[in-house]
Amino acid sequence: MYGRTTEEVYISADQLQHGRSTVDTVIHELAHHTTGAEDGEEAHNAEMTRLAGQVVEATAKGYFDEFLKDPNFVW
C-alpha cells in the first residue's frame, strides 16, 4: 500500500515471503509514488512497465548477483 500523505510504501509480511511477490509489490507501489496515479490508470500502468524493465535490465547486468549470494539473505 502507498500512503500518499506520508509518501511511504507499506508492504505486508505475507508479500515478503517470496521474491516475485516482493518485487511485484514494490514495483506496483513505487509506480503510485512516482506518478500519483491510481490502479488501472494509464500513467500507473506505463510506470510499472518502465520500472519492471529497469529491474530486468539490472538483473541481466548482474547487479543483484552478489546481494543474492549473501548467506544471510532470506526471502
Protein backbone atom coordinates (compact mmCIF):
# COMPACT_ATOMS: atom_id res chain seq x y z
CA MET A 1 0.00 0.00 0.00
CA TYR A 2 1.21 3.51 -0.78
CA GLY A 3 0.48 6.24 1.75
CA ARG A 4 0.06 9.46 -0.19
CA THR A 5 0.29 11.74 2.84
CA THR A 6 3.46 10.12 4.19
CA GLU A 7 4.84 9.13 0.77
CA GLU A 8 5.74 5.74 2.22
CA VAL A 9 5.28 2.27 0.79
CA TYR A 10 3.83 -0.30 3.16
CA ILE A 11 4.32 -3.98 2.36
CA SER A 12 2.63 -6.69 4.38
CA ALA A 13 4.78 -9.54 5.68
CA ASP A 14 2.98 -12.09 3.51
CA GLN A 15 4.14 -10.20 0.40
CA LEU A 16 7.75 -10.65 1.56
CA GLN A 17 7.64 -14.45 1.66
CA HIS A 18 8.63 -14.87 -1.99
CA GLY A 19 10.93 -12.87 -4.21
CA ARG A 20 8.47 -12.46 -7.05
CA SER A 21 5.63 -11.14 -4.90
CA THR A 22 8.07 -8.77 -3.18
CA VAL A 23 9.37 -7.35 -6.46
CA ASP A 24 5.87 -7.16 -7.97
CA THR A 25 4.56 -5.29 -4.93
CA VAL A 26 7.48 -2.87 -4.77
CA ILE A 27 7.16 -2.04 -8.47
CA HIS A 28 3.40 -1.57 -8.13
CA GLU A 29 3.66 0.74 -5.12
CA LEU A 30 6.63 2.71 -6.48
CA ALA A 31 4.57 3.42 -9.59
CA HIS A 32 1.96 5.05 -7.35
CA HIS A 33 4.69 7.13 -5.73
CA THR A 34 6.34 8.29 -8.94
CA THR A 35 3.13 9.04 -10.85
CA GLY A 36 0.48 9.83 -8.24
CA ALA A 37 -1.85 7.72 -10.39
CA GLU A 38 -4.40 5.18 -9.19
CA ASP A 39 -4.60 1.48 -10.08
CA GLY A 40 -5.62 0.97 -13.69
CA GLU A 41 -4.75 4.48 -14.85
CA GLU A 42 -2.53 4.59 -17.92
CA ALA A 43 0.20 6.55 -16.12
CA HIS A 44 0.38 3.89 -13.38
CA ASN A 45 0.43 1.02 -15.87
CA ALA A 46 3.11 2.66 -18.01
CA GLU A 47 5.27 3.38 -14.96
CA MET A 48 5.00 -0.22 -13.75
CA THR A 49 6.19 -1.35 -17.18
CA ARG A 50 9.09 1.12 -17.10
CA LEU A 51 10.16 0.11 -13.59
CA ALA A 52 9.88 -3.61 -14.39
CA GLY A 53 12.11 -3.02 -17.41
CA GLN A 54 14.72 -1.38 -15.19
CA VAL A 55 14.64 -4.35 -12.81
CA VAL A 56 15.04 -6.80 -15.70
CA GLU A 57 17.92 -4.78 -17.15
CA ALA A 58 19.69 -4.55 -13.78
CA THR A 59 19.20 -8.29 -13.24
CA ALA A 60 20.58 -9.10 -16.70
CA LYS A 61 23.64 -6.98 -15.95
CA GLY A 62 24.22 -8.93 -12.73
CA TYR A 63 23.63 -6.02 -10.36
CA PHE A 64 21.90 -8.24 -7.81
CA ASP A 65 24.17 -11.29 -8.05
CA GLU A 66 26.40 -10.54 -5.07
CA PHE A 67 23.47 -9.47 -2.92
CA LEU A 68 21.61 -12.71 -3.63
CA LYS A 69 24.71 -14.80 -2.82
CA ASP A 70 24.78 -13.40 0.71
CA PRO A 71 24.24 -16.40 3.04
CA ASN A 72 22.24 -14.17 5.40
CA PHE A 73 19.80 -13.14 2.65
CA VAL A 74 16.38 -14.73 3.08
CA TRP A 75 13.17 -14.05 1.18
